[in-house]
Protein backbone atom coordinates (compact mmCIF):
# COMPACT_ATOMS: atom_id res chain seq x y z
CA UNK A 1 0.40 -0.23 -0.20
CA UNK A 2 1.91 3.33 -0.67
CA UNK A 3 0.85 6.32 1.26
CA UNK A 4 0.23 9.76 -0.19
CA UNK A 5 2.41 11.50 2.55
CA UNK A 6 5.75 9.82 1.73
CA UNK A 7 7.63 10.71 -1.45
CA UNK A 8 7.11 7.53 -3.43
CA UNK A 9 3.50 8.21 -2.68
CA UNK A 10 3.76 11.65 -4.46
CA UNK A 11 5.05 10.34 -7.45
CA UNK A 12 2.28 7.94 -7.67
CA UNK A 13 -0.22 10.29 -7.13
CA UNK A 14 1.36 12.75 -9.58
CA UNK A 15 1.77 9.98 -12.33
CA UNK A 16 -1.71 8.47 -12.37
CA UNK A 17 -2.72 12.29 -12.27
CA UNK A 18 -1.05 12.82 -15.45
CA UNK A 19 -1.86 9.44 -17.26
CA UNK A 20 -5.33 10.41 -16.12
CA UNK A 21 -5.74 13.66 -17.56
CA UNK A 22 -3.79 12.56 -20.64
CA UNK A 23 -6.34 9.79 -21.42
CA UNK A 24 -9.26 12.55 -20.51
CA UNK A 25 -7.98 14.82 -23.75
CA UNK A 26 -8.58 11.74 -26.01
CA UNK A 27 -12.10 11.62 -24.93
CA UNK A 28 -13.84 14.45 -27.12
CA UNK A 29 -16.53 14.95 -24.65
CA UNK A 30 -14.57 15.52 -21.52
CA UNK A 31 -12.26 17.38 -23.38
CA UNK A 32 -14.51 20.43 -23.70
CA UNK A 33 -15.92 19.72 -20.67
CA UNK A 34 -12.92 19.33 -18.40
CA UNK A 35 -9.66 20.64 -20.71
CA UNK A 36 -11.00 23.61 -21.88
CA UNK A 37 -9.56 26.17 -19.22
CA UNK A 38 -5.62 27.05 -19.57
CA UNK A 39 -5.66 29.01 -16.27
CA UNK A 40 -6.77 28.56 -12.73
CA UNK A 41 -7.38 25.36 -10.92
CA UNK A 42 -9.12 23.73 -14.09
CA UNK A 43 -5.69 24.72 -15.64
CA UNK A 44 -4.06 22.16 -13.58
CA UNK A 45 -5.65 19.37 -15.65
CA UNK A 46 -5.21 21.17 -18.64
CA UNK A 47 -1.14 21.23 -17.82
CA UNK A 48 -1.12 17.87 -16.72
CA UNK A 49 -3.09 16.54 -20.33
CA UNK A 50 -0.37 18.61 -21.84
CA UNK A 51 2.78 16.90 -19.95
CA UNK A 52 0.98 13.32 -20.88
CA UNK A 53 0.89 13.85 -24.08
CA UNK A 54 4.16 15.64 -24.61
CA UNK A 55 6.34 13.48 -22.68
CA UNK A 56 4.61 10.21 -23.26
CA UNK A 57 7.36 7.81 -23.41
CA UNK A 58 9.23 9.45 -20.36
CA UNK A 59 5.31 9.34 -18.09
CA UNK A 60 5.23 5.67 -19.70
CA UNK A 61 8.43 4.25 -18.76
CA UNK A 62 8.05 6.18 -15.01
CA UNK A 63 4.86 4.32 -14.84
CA UNK A 64 6.63 1.09 -15.56
CA UNK A 65 9.33 1.52 -13.15
CA UNK A 66 7.17 2.92 -10.41
CA UNK A 67 4.98 0.19 -10.42
CA UNK A 68 8.18 -2.41 -10.34
CA UNK A 69 9.15 -0.29 -7.17
CA UNK A 70 5.80 -0.69 -5.92
CA UNK A 71 5.10 -4.34 -6.61
CA UNK A 72 8.51 -5.96 -5.91
CA UNK A 73 10.85 -3.70 -3.97
CA UNK A 74 8.64 -2.10 -1.48
């Protein structure tokens, strides 16, 4: 179980947030509703989606390495 208050918990939460926002960017109905704002609190979702789509290889490798860490090392 990963604790949110530890460093690896924050990394897992950030990776899941970026992956979820990048996935929601591919859904047309949710893209216009959730990712339309680029500033403010709702802009965090847009920025997470941009990071997930532009750095998709690095995010995917980070997800795989964190999965390995959480399942086998921790």
